């Protein structure tokens, strides 16, 4: 299953499970000193960031590759939702006809096929940024227990890539999300879309992980890249 299909599949239940993503959005918005009027949100999902903006703006463009998420995004004369993939240069060519004074991306760019290329395309807008990217220590103990390699880039890799294009702040923040049971934890992973559509464990391996996972929480590591 493609990652976009995974997010669309669980779109209706996403708000119930995006606890960490909401914390990430709150932190991103802390780094907005002015009140940008023309906003681009790459990987906008069902509009979690849009809903939290508490100032009046002229135009908000939300881009996502999961049609199920876009269907749930707020709509208005000021809000434009675009079905598109930030891995596709054509998207950025089309977006270049707009002028943006702020670019957000909350919990999406970890799925970039070529993050270097995506950063290069974002740089062309010459606008302030606030980006949050999940990195490889997310699910660190779970991956270790299951003998699975993380799909995500390390925070050092993200830092090195962003330094090529931006003179901005870089910060790594760790979060924990507690669960009553390991089974509830697995349900969260499935419903939140954070697994990236990867199903690498057999039934036997999953059962073993359920039994042996030593923590009552999941770990998340997020790299924040934001304009000074």
Protein backbone atom coordinates (compact mmCIF):
# COMPACT_ATOMS: atom_id res chain seq x y z
CA UNK A 1 0.00 0.00 0.00
CA UNK A 2 1.30 3.46 -0.88
CA UNK A 3 1.82 5.93 1.97
CA UNK A 4 -0.80 8.25 0.47
CA UNK A 5 -3.34 5.41 0.48
CA UNK A 6 -2.52 4.60 4.10
CA UNK A 7 -3.31 8.16 5.19
CA UNK A 8 -6.50 8.25 3.12
CA UNK A 9 -7.61 4.91 4.56
CA UNK A 10 -7.46 6.23 8.12
CA UNK A 11 -8.45 9.83 7.39
CA UNK A 12 -11.69 9.77 9.38
CA UNK A 13 -9.99 8.50 12.54
CA UNK A 14 -6.82 10.57 12.16
CA UNK A 15 -7.84 13.35 14.56
CA UNK A 16 -8.28 10.80 17.32
CA UNK A 17 -4.71 9.59 16.96
CA UNK A 18 -2.63 12.63 15.96
CA UNK A 19 -1.73 13.69 19.52
CA UNK A 20 1.97 14.19 18.80
CA UNK A 21 1.27 15.85 15.47
CA UNK A 22 -0.84 18.46 17.28
CA UNK A 23 1.99 19.14 19.72
CA UNK A 24 4.26 19.61 16.72
CA UNK A 25 1.86 22.11 15.14
CA UNK A 26 1.63 24.09 18.39
CA UNK A 27 5.42 24.38 18.47
CA UNK A 28 5.64 25.42 14.81
CA UNK A 29 3.15 28.22 15.36
CA UNK A 30 5.22 29.54 18.25
CA UNK A 31 7.88 30.47 15.71
CA UNK A 32 5.61 32.75 13.68
CA UNK A 33 6.33 36.28 14.88
CA UNK A 34 4.30 38.16 12.30
CA UNK A 35 0.93 37.26 10.84
CA UNK A 36 1.62 35.95 7.34
CA UNK A 37 -1.16 36.61 4.84
CA UNK A 38 -0.35 34.12 2.08
CA UNK A 39 0.42 30.71 3.53
CA UNK A 40 1.53 27.39 2.03
CA UNK A 41 1.18 24.16 3.99
CA UNK A 42 3.00 21.18 2.45
CA UNK A 43 1.42 17.95 3.62
CA UNK A 44 -1.62 19.71 5.06
CA UNK A 45 -3.56 16.52 5.85
CA UNK A 46 -7.07 17.16 7.15
CA UNK A 47 -6.28 20.75 8.07
CA UNK A 48 -4.93 20.45 11.62
CA UNK A 49 -2.56 23.39 11.13
CA UNK A 50 -5.10 25.49 9.24
CA UNK A 51 -7.61 25.06 12.08
CA UNK A 52 -5.10 26.35 14.64
CA UNK A 53 -4.19 29.58 12.85
CA UNK A 54 -5.74 32.32 14.99
CA UNK A 55 -5.16 35.36 12.79
CA UNK A 56 -6.91 36.61 9.65
CA UNK A 57 -5.08 35.83 6.42
CA UNK A 58 -5.71 36.47 2.73
CA UNK A 59 -5.03 33.04 1.28
CA UNK A 60 -4.12 29.58 2.56
CA UNK A 61 -2.93 26.84 0.21
CA UNK A 62 -2.89 23.28 1.54
CA UNK A 63 -1.19 20.53 -0.43
CA UNK A 64 -1.49 16.82 0.25
CA UNK A 65 -1.11 13.53 -1.60
CA UNK A 66 -3.91 11.80 0.31
CA UNK A 67 -7.27 12.63 -1.24
CA UNK A 68 -9.13 11.26 1.80
CA UNK A 69 -7.39 13.81 4.00
CA UNK A 70 -8.08 16.73 1.64
CA UNK A 71 -11.78 15.90 1.65
CA UNK A 72 -11.81 16.68 5.39
CA UNK A 73 -9.75 19.87 5.14
CA UNK A 74 -11.59 23.15 5.88
CA UNK A 75 -12.82 24.89 2.73
CA UNK A 76 -13.58 28.56 2.12
CA UNK A 77 -12.94 31.35 -0.37
CA UNK A 78 -9.62 31.93 1.38
CA UNK A 79 -8.59 28.27 1.53
CA UNK A 80 -7.40 26.33 -1.51
CA UNK A 81 -6.71 22.60 -1.30
CA UNK A 82 -4.44 21.07 -3.93
CA UNK A 83 -4.03 17.36 -4.54
CA UNK A 84 -0.32 17.01 -5.14
CA UNK A 85 2.89 15.33 -4.10
CA UNK A 86 5.89 17.33 -2.88
CA UNK A 87 8.08 14.64 -4.46
CA UNK A 88 6.90 15.90 -7.86
CA UNK A 89 8.73 18.87 -9.40
CA UNK A 90 5.58 19.71 -11.38
CA UNK A 91 3.81 20.61 -8.15
CA UNK A 92 6.42 23.22 -7.29
CA UNK A 93 6.36 24.56 -10.84
CA UNK A 94 2.62 25.14 -10.48
CA UNK A 95 2.99 26.63 -7.00
CA UNK A 96 5.66 29.04 -8.27
CA UNK A 97 2.88 31.14 -9.81
CA UNK A 98 1.87 32.10 -6.25
CA UNK A 99 3.61 34.44 -3.82
CA UNK A 100 3.85 33.06 -0.28
CA UNK A 101 5.05 34.90 2.79
CA UNK A 102 5.24 31.77 4.95
CA UNK A 103 5.71 28.06 4.34
CA UNK A 104 4.73 25.38 6.83
CA UNK A 105 5.12 21.65 6.83
CA UNK A 106 4.09 19.72 9.91
CA UNK A 107 4.98 16.04 10.17
CA UNK A 108 5.07 15.35 6.43
CA UNK A 109 8.50 15.87 4.89
CA UNK A 110 9.89 12.68 6.42
CA UNK A 111 8.09 10.98 3.51
CA UNK A 112 10.05 12.94 0.90
CA UNK A 113 11.75 10.60 -1.56
CA UNK A 114 14.50 13.17 -2.07
CA UNK A 115 14.54 15.67 0.80
CA UNK A 116 17.46 17.52 -0.76
CA UNK A 117 15.33 18.24 -3.84
CA UNK A 118 12.31 19.24 -1.74
CA UNK A 119 14.42 21.68 0.30
CA UNK A 120 15.79 23.13 -2.95
CA UNK A 121 12.24 23.69 -4.22
CA UNK A 122 11.13 25.29 -0.94
CA UNK A 123 14.15 27.59 -1.05
CA UNK A 124 12.97 29.01 -4.40
CA UNK A 125 9.97 30.61 -2.71
CA UNK A 126 12.33 32.83 -0.70
CA UNK A 127 9.88 32.86 2.22
CA UNK A 128 10.16 32.24 5.98
CA UNK A 129 9.66 28.60 6.95
CA UNK A 130 8.57 26.44 9.86
CA UNK A 131 9.06 22.75 9.12
CA UNK A 132 8.79 19.68 11.35
CA UNK A 133 10.25 16.35 10.25
CA UNK A 134 10.06 13.08 12.16
CA UNK A 135 13.49 11.46 12.39
CA UNK A 136 14.96 8.02 12.95
CA UNK A 137 14.79 7.81 16.75
CA UNK A 138 11.01 7.79 16.41
CA UNK A 139 9.96 4.32 17.61
CA UNK A 140 13.60 3.68 18.55
CA UNK A 141 13.01 0.91 21.10
CA UNK A 142 10.16 -0.62 19.11
CA UNK A 143 12.35 -0.88 16.03
CA UNK A 144 15.20 -2.32 18.07
CA UNK A 145 12.92 -4.89 19.73
CA UNK A 146 11.55 -5.94 16.35
CA UNK A 147 14.99 -5.86 14.70
CA UNK A 148 13.65 -3.41 12.13
CA UNK A 149 15.57 -0.52 10.60
CA UNK A 150 13.86 2.86 10.73
CA UNK A 151 12.40 4.22 7.50
CA UNK A 152 13.33 7.74 8.58
CA UNK A 153 16.43 9.86 8.16
CA UNK A 154 18.57 10.66 11.17
CA UNK A 155 18.38 14.13 12.66
CA UNK A 156 22.01 14.66 11.59
CA UNK A 157 21.08 13.85 7.98
CA UNK A 158 18.21 16.34 8.07
CA UNK A 159 20.43 18.98 9.66
CA UNK A 160 23.12 18.54 7.01
CA UNK A 161 20.61 18.77 4.17
CA UNK A 162 18.81 21.87 5.44
CA UNK A 163 22.11 23.68 6.00
CA UNK A 164 22.67 23.58 2.23
CA UNK A 165 19.65 25.82 1.65
CA UNK A 166 18.60 27.72 4.76
CA UNK A 167 20.15 29.99 7.37
CA UNK A 168 17.66 29.05 10.05
CA UNK A 169 17.29 27.51 13.50
CA UNK A 170 17.52 23.75 13.86
CA UNK A 171 16.17 21.98 16.93
CA UNK A 172 15.53 18.33 17.82
CA UNK A 173 12.70 17.60 20.25
CA UNK A 174 11.77 14.25 21.77
CA UNK A 175 8.23 13.31 22.76
CA UNK A 176 6.67 10.32 24.51
CA UNK A 177 3.13 9.03 24.14
CA UNK A 178 1.88 6.73 26.91
CA UNK A 179 -0.45 3.77 26.34
CA UNK A 180 -2.42 1.52 28.66
CA UNK A 181 -1.33 -1.57 26.74
CA UNK A 182 0.99 -2.64 23.96
CA UNK A 183 -2.07 -3.62 21.94
CA UNK A 184 -3.38 -0.03 22.17
CA UNK A 185 0.04 1.10 21.01
CA UNK A 186 -0.15 -1.07 17.91
CA UNK A 187 -3.63 0.24 17.18
CA UNK A 188 -2.30 3.79 17.35
CA UNK A 189 0.52 2.98 14.91
CA UNK A 190 -1.96 1.54 12.44
CA UNK A 191 -4.58 4.29 12.68
CA UNK A 192 -2.25 7.29 12.77
CA UNK A 193 -0.47 6.49 9.50
CA UNK A 194 2.96 6.84 11.11
CA UNK A 195 3.99 3.37 9.95
CA UNK A 196 4.40 4.73 6.44
CA UNK A 197 2.40 1.84 4.98
CA UNK A 198 5.24 -0.53 5.75
CA UNK A 199 4.21 -3.95 6.99
CA UNK A 200 7.42 -5.86 7.48
CA UNK A 201 6.48 -8.10 10.40
CA UNK A 202 4.88 -11.49 10.06
CA UNK A 203 2.09 -12.54 12.42
CA UNK A 204 4.60 -14.48 14.49
CA UNK A 205 6.98 -11.50 14.70
CA UNK A 206 4.14 -9.13 15.63
CA UNK A 207 3.01 -11.48 18.39
CA UNK A 208 6.58 -11.64 19.71
CA UNK A 209 6.83 -7.84 19.68
CA UNK A 210 3.55 -7.52 21.56
CA UNK A 211 4.98 -9.76 24.25
CA UNK A 212 8.50 -8.36 24.46
CA UNK A 213 8.13 -4.58 23.95
CA UNK A 214 9.55 -3.23 27.24
CA UNK A 215 8.00 0.26 27.41
CA UNK A 216 4.56 1.68 28.15
CA UNK A 217 5.08 4.47 25.64
CA UNK A 218 6.22 5.23 22.11
CA UNK A 219 9.14 7.54 21.41
CA UNK A 220 9.08 10.31 18.83
CA UNK A 221 11.96 12.43 17.60
CA UNK A 222 11.19 15.56 15.57
CA UNK A 223 13.58 17.93 13.83
CA UNK A 224 12.31 21.51 13.67
CA UNK A 225 13.65 23.81 10.96
CA UNK A 226 12.44 27.38 11.34
CA UNK A 227 13.37 30.90 10.32
CA UNK A 228 15.32 32.91 12.90
